[in-house]
Amino acid sequence: QVQLEESGGGLVQAGGSLRLSCAASGGAFGYKSMGWFRRAPGREREFVAAVTWSGDTYDAESVKGRFTISRDNAKSPVFLQMNSLEPGDTAVYYCAANTRYSSSSYSRSILYDYWGQGTQVTVSS
């Protein structure tokens, strides 16, 4: 029923910035957290950041201080502001919704029941 779609990916030079957005469709829904995950070619999907309905945020150590997740309570979008991008950030980035579970970290992919198709982020040296 719920569908998520990411946008805002693209090609950027190292040190640059991108802002990703996640839009929801298919019906109204509540959530415990919204998260961003990424998957580089040949690697497993990894946690990037999450935000709860109440506004608490959680960041992976690898992006702390560079990426910021945010949400709009009224319009229910979620964003990922990515600054100081590095070639290691190159990956497909996925938006995900957790409508069921409370967590101490919100970093496990198993918590999330809805996923977008992903948007490509490529960072050149």
C-alpha atoms as a PDB file:
ATOM      1  CA  GLN A   1       0.000   0.000   0.000  1.00  0.00           C
ATOM      2  CA  VAL A   2       2.650   2.492   1.054  1.00  0.00           C
ATOM      3  CA  GLN A   3       5.225   3.406  -1.561  1.00  0.00           C
ATOM      4  CA  LEU A   4       8.402   5.394  -1.021  1.00  0.00           C
ATOM      5  CA  GLU A   5      10.446   7.147  -3.667  1.00  0.00           C
ATOM      6  CA  GLU A   6      13.832   8.791  -3.271  1.00  0.00           C
ATOM      7  CA  SER A   7      15.078  11.748  -5.264  1.00  0.00           C
ATOM      8  CA  GLY A   8      18.023  14.124  -5.291  1.00  0.00           C
ATOM      9  CA  GLY A   9      20.847  11.765  -6.166  1.00  0.00           C
ATOM     10  CA  GLY A  10      23.424  12.516  -8.812  1.00  0.00           C
ATOM     11  CA  LEU A  11      27.095  13.054  -9.534  1.00  0.00           C
ATOM     12  CA  VAL A  12      29.148  15.373  -7.364  1.00  0.00           C
ATOM     13  CA  GLN A  13      32.826  16.079  -6.751  1.00  0.00           C
ATOM     14  CA  ALA A  14      34.481  15.173  -3.484  1.00  0.00           C
ATOM     15  CA  GLY A  15      33.792  17.846  -0.894  1.00  0.00           C
ATOM     16  CA  GLY A  16      30.466  18.734  -2.457  1.00  0.00           C
ATOM     17  CA  SER A  17      26.925  18.406  -1.146  1.00  0.00           C
ATOM     18  CA  LEU A  18      23.655  16.740  -2.074  1.00  0.00           C
ATOM     19  CA  ARG A  19      20.219  16.744  -0.481  1.00  0.00           C
ATOM     20  CA  LEU A  20      18.112  13.606  -0.788  1.00  0.00           C
ATOM     21  CA  SER A  21      14.347  13.572  -0.335  1.00  0.00           C
ATOM     22  CA  CYS A  22      11.910  10.740   0.322  1.00  0.00           C
ATOM     23  CA  ALA A  23       8.275  11.036  -0.727  1.00  0.00           C
ATOM     24  CA  ALA A  24       5.489   8.700   0.404  1.00  0.00           C
ATOM     25  CA  SER A  25       2.381   7.721  -1.539  1.00  0.00           C
ATOM     26  CA  GLY A  26      -0.374   5.113  -1.446  1.00  0.00           C
ATOM     27  CA  GLY A  27      -2.097   6.228   1.732  1.00  0.00           C
ATOM     28  CA  ALA A  28      -1.557   7.919   5.049  1.00  0.00           C
ATOM     29  CA  PHE A  29       0.530   6.096   7.615  1.00  0.00           C
ATOM     30  CA  GLY A  30       2.231   6.601  10.930  1.00  0.00           C
ATOM     31  CA  TYR A  31       5.784   5.557  11.612  1.00  0.00           C
ATOM     32  CA  LYS A  32       8.166   4.882  14.472  1.00  0.00           C
ATOM     33  CA  SER A  33      11.178   5.916  12.432  1.00  0.00           C
ATOM     34  CA  MET A  34      12.278   6.807   8.939  1.00  0.00           C
ATOM     35  CA  GLY A  35      15.715   5.739   7.863  1.00  0.00           C
ATOM     36  CA  TRP A  36      18.314   6.048   5.157  1.00  0.00           C
ATOM     37  CA  PHE A  37      20.418   3.069   4.109  1.00  0.00           C
ATOM     38  CA  ARG A  38      22.940   2.666   1.322  1.00  0.00           C
ATOM     39  CA  ARG A  39      24.480  -0.126  -0.706  1.00  0.00           C
ATOM     40  CA  ALA A  40      27.699   0.122  -2.662  1.00  0.00           C
ATOM     41  CA  PRO A  41      28.366  -2.296  -5.553  1.00  0.00           C
ATOM     42  CA  GLY A  42      29.329  -5.721  -4.256  1.00  0.00           C
ATOM     43  CA  ARG A  43      28.661  -4.771  -0.638  1.00  0.00           C
ATOM     44  CA  GLU A  44      25.863  -5.312   1.834  1.00  0.00           C
ATOM     45  CA  ARG A  45      23.341  -2.632   2.641  1.00  0.00           C
ATOM     46  CA  GLU A  46      24.407  -0.455   5.569  1.00  0.00           C
ATOM     47  CA  PHE A  47      22.697   1.967   7.898  1.00  0.00           C
ATOM     48  CA  VAL A  48      23.225   5.683   7.335  1.00  0.00           C
ATOM     49  CA  ALA A  49      20.812   7.629   9.549  1.00  0.00           C
ATOM     50  CA  ALA A  50      17.339   7.527  11.097  1.00  0.00           C
ATOM     51  CA  VAL A  51      14.841   9.934  12.614  1.00  0.00           C
ATOM     52  CA  THR A  52      11.929   9.072  14.900  1.00  0.00           C
ATOM     53  CA  TRP A  53       8.449  10.578  14.820  1.00  0.00           C
ATOM     54  CA  SER A  54       9.362  12.604  17.909  1.00  0.00           C
ATOM     55  CA  GLY A  55      12.460  14.004  16.212  1.00  0.00           C
ATOM     56  CA  ASP A  56      15.299  11.987  17.733  1.00  0.00           C
ATOM     57  CA  THR A  57      18.093  11.313  15.242  1.00  0.00           C
ATOM     58  CA  TYR A  58      20.654   8.542  14.898  1.00  0.00           C
ATOM     59  CA  ASP A  59      23.699   8.551  12.649  1.00  0.00           C
ATOM     60  CA  ALA A  60      26.214   5.978  11.532  1.00  0.00           C
ATOM     61  CA  GLU A  61      29.699   6.755  12.804  1.00  0.00           C
ATOM     62  CA  SER A  62      30.998   6.979   9.239  1.00  0.00           C
ATOM     63  CA  VAL A  63      28.729   9.916   8.400  1.00  0.00           C
ATOM     64  CA  LYS A  64      28.499  11.696  11.751  1.00  0.00           C
ATOM     65  CA  GLY A  65      29.255  15.380  11.369  1.00  0.00           C
ATOM     66  CA  ARG A  66      28.772  15.260   7.591  1.00  0.00           C
ATOM     67  CA  PHE A  67      25.215  13.997   7.031  1.00  0.00           C
ATOM     68  CA  THR A  68      22.049  15.292   8.668  1.00  0.00           C
ATOM     69  CA  ILE A  69      18.670  13.566   8.600  1.00  0.00           C
ATOM     70  CA  SER A  70      15.497  15.575   9.128  1.00  0.00           C
ATOM     71  CA  ARG A  71      11.736  15.244   8.788  1.00  0.00           C
ATOM     72  CA  ASP A  72       8.642  17.403   8.450  1.00  0.00           C
ATOM     73  CA  ASN A  73       5.904  16.300  10.859  1.00  0.00           C
ATOM     74  CA  ALA A  74       3.123  18.054   8.949  1.00  0.00           C
ATOM     75  CA  LYS A  75       3.994  16.834   5.459  1.00  0.00           C
ATOM     76  CA  SER A  76       5.730  13.559   6.379  1.00  0.00           C
ATOM     77  CA  PRO A  77       8.783  13.828   4.132  1.00  0.00           C
ATOM     78  CA  VAL A  78      12.262  12.840   5.185  1.00  0.00           C
ATOM     79  CA  PHE A  79      15.519  14.384   3.990  1.00  0.00           C
ATOM     80  CA  LEU A  80      19.197  13.580   4.063  1.00  0.00           C
ATOM     81  CA  GLN A  81      21.565  16.528   3.769  1.00  0.00           C
ATOM     82  CA  MET A  82      24.968  15.215   2.727  1.00  0.00           C
ATOM     83  CA  ASN A  83      27.963  17.517   3.063  1.00  0.00           C
ATOM     84  CA  SER A  84      31.695  16.948   2.621  1.00  0.00           C
ATOM     85  CA  LEU A  85      30.997  13.991   0.370  1.00  0.00           C
ATOM     86  CA  GLU A  86      33.752  11.448  -0.176  1.00  0.00           C
ATOM     87  CA  PRO A  87      34.251   8.810  -2.890  1.00  0.00           C
ATOM     88  CA  GLY A  88      33.438   6.192  -0.246  1.00  0.00           C
ATOM     89  CA  ASP A  89      29.917   7.608  -0.057  1.00  0.00           C
ATOM     90  CA  THR A  90      29.213   6.389  -3.598  1.00  0.00           C
ATOM     91  CA  ALA A  91      26.238   4.037  -3.359  1.00  0.00           C
ATOM     92  CA  VAL A  92      22.555   3.594  -4.025  1.00  0.00           C
ATOM     93  CA  TYR A  93      20.702   5.310  -1.194  1.00  0.00           C
ATOM     94  CA  TYR A  94      17.398   3.903   0.050  1.00  0.00           C
ATOM     95  CA  CYS A  95      14.648   5.486   2.094  1.00  0.00           C
ATOM     96  CA  ALA A  96      12.817   3.169   4.489  1.00  0.00           C
ATOM     97  CA  ALA A  97       9.848   3.392   6.861  1.00  0.00           C
ATOM     98  CA  ASN A  98       9.504   1.571  10.173  1.00  0.00           C
ATOM     99  CA  THR A  99       5.826   1.585  11.158  1.00  0.00           C
ATOM    100  CA  ARG A 100       5.949  -1.065  13.885  1.00  0.00           C
ATOM    101  CA  TYR A 101       8.955  -1.103  16.186  1.00  0.00           C
ATOM    102  CA  SER A 102      10.613   0.940  18.867  1.00  0.00           C
ATOM    103  CA  SER A 103      14.366   0.549  19.093  1.00  0.00           C
ATOM    104  CA  SER A 104      17.441   1.740  20.944  1.00  0.00           C
ATOM    105  CA  SER A 105      19.210   2.718  17.731  1.00  0.00           C
ATOM    106  CA  TYR A 106      16.882   2.227  14.727  1.00  0.00           C
ATOM    107  CA  SER A 107      19.861   1.021  12.724  1.00  0.00           C
ATOM    108  CA  ARG A 108      18.768  -2.520  11.829  1.00  0.00           C
ATOM    109  CA  SER A 109      17.220  -2.978   8.390  1.00  0.00           C
ATOM    110  CA  ILE A 110      14.883  -5.674   9.746  1.00  0.00           C
ATOM    111  CA  LEU A 111      12.944  -2.941  11.566  1.00  0.00           C
ATOM    112  CA  TYR A 112      11.812  -1.341   8.333  1.00  0.00           C
ATOM    113  CA  ASP A 113       8.779  -2.647   6.455  1.00  0.00           C
ATOM    114  CA  TYR A 114       8.642  -0.244   3.495  1.00  0.00           C
ATOM    115  CA  TRP A 115      11.480   0.581   1.123  1.00  0.00           C
ATOM    116  CA  GLY A 116      12.016   2.847  -1.841  1.00  0.00           C
ATOM    117  CA  GLN A 117      13.703   1.867  -5.085  1.00  0.00           C
ATOM    118  CA  GLY A 118      16.841   3.845  -4.342  1.00  0.00           C
ATOM    119  CA  THR A 119      18.660   6.798  -5.841  1.00  0.00           C
ATOM    120  CA  GLN A 120      22.238   6.737  -7.104  1.00  0.00           C
ATOM    121  CA  VAL A 121      24.860   8.955  -5.502  1.00  0.00           C
ATOM    122  CA  THR A 122      28.259   9.074  -7.179  1.00  0.00           C
ATOM    123  CA  VAL A 123      31.157  11.048  -5.718  1.00  0.00           C
ATOM    124  CA  SER A 124      34.203  11.625  -7.916  1.00  0.00           C
ATOM    125  CA  SER A 125      37.752  12.266  -6.712  1.00  0.00           C
END
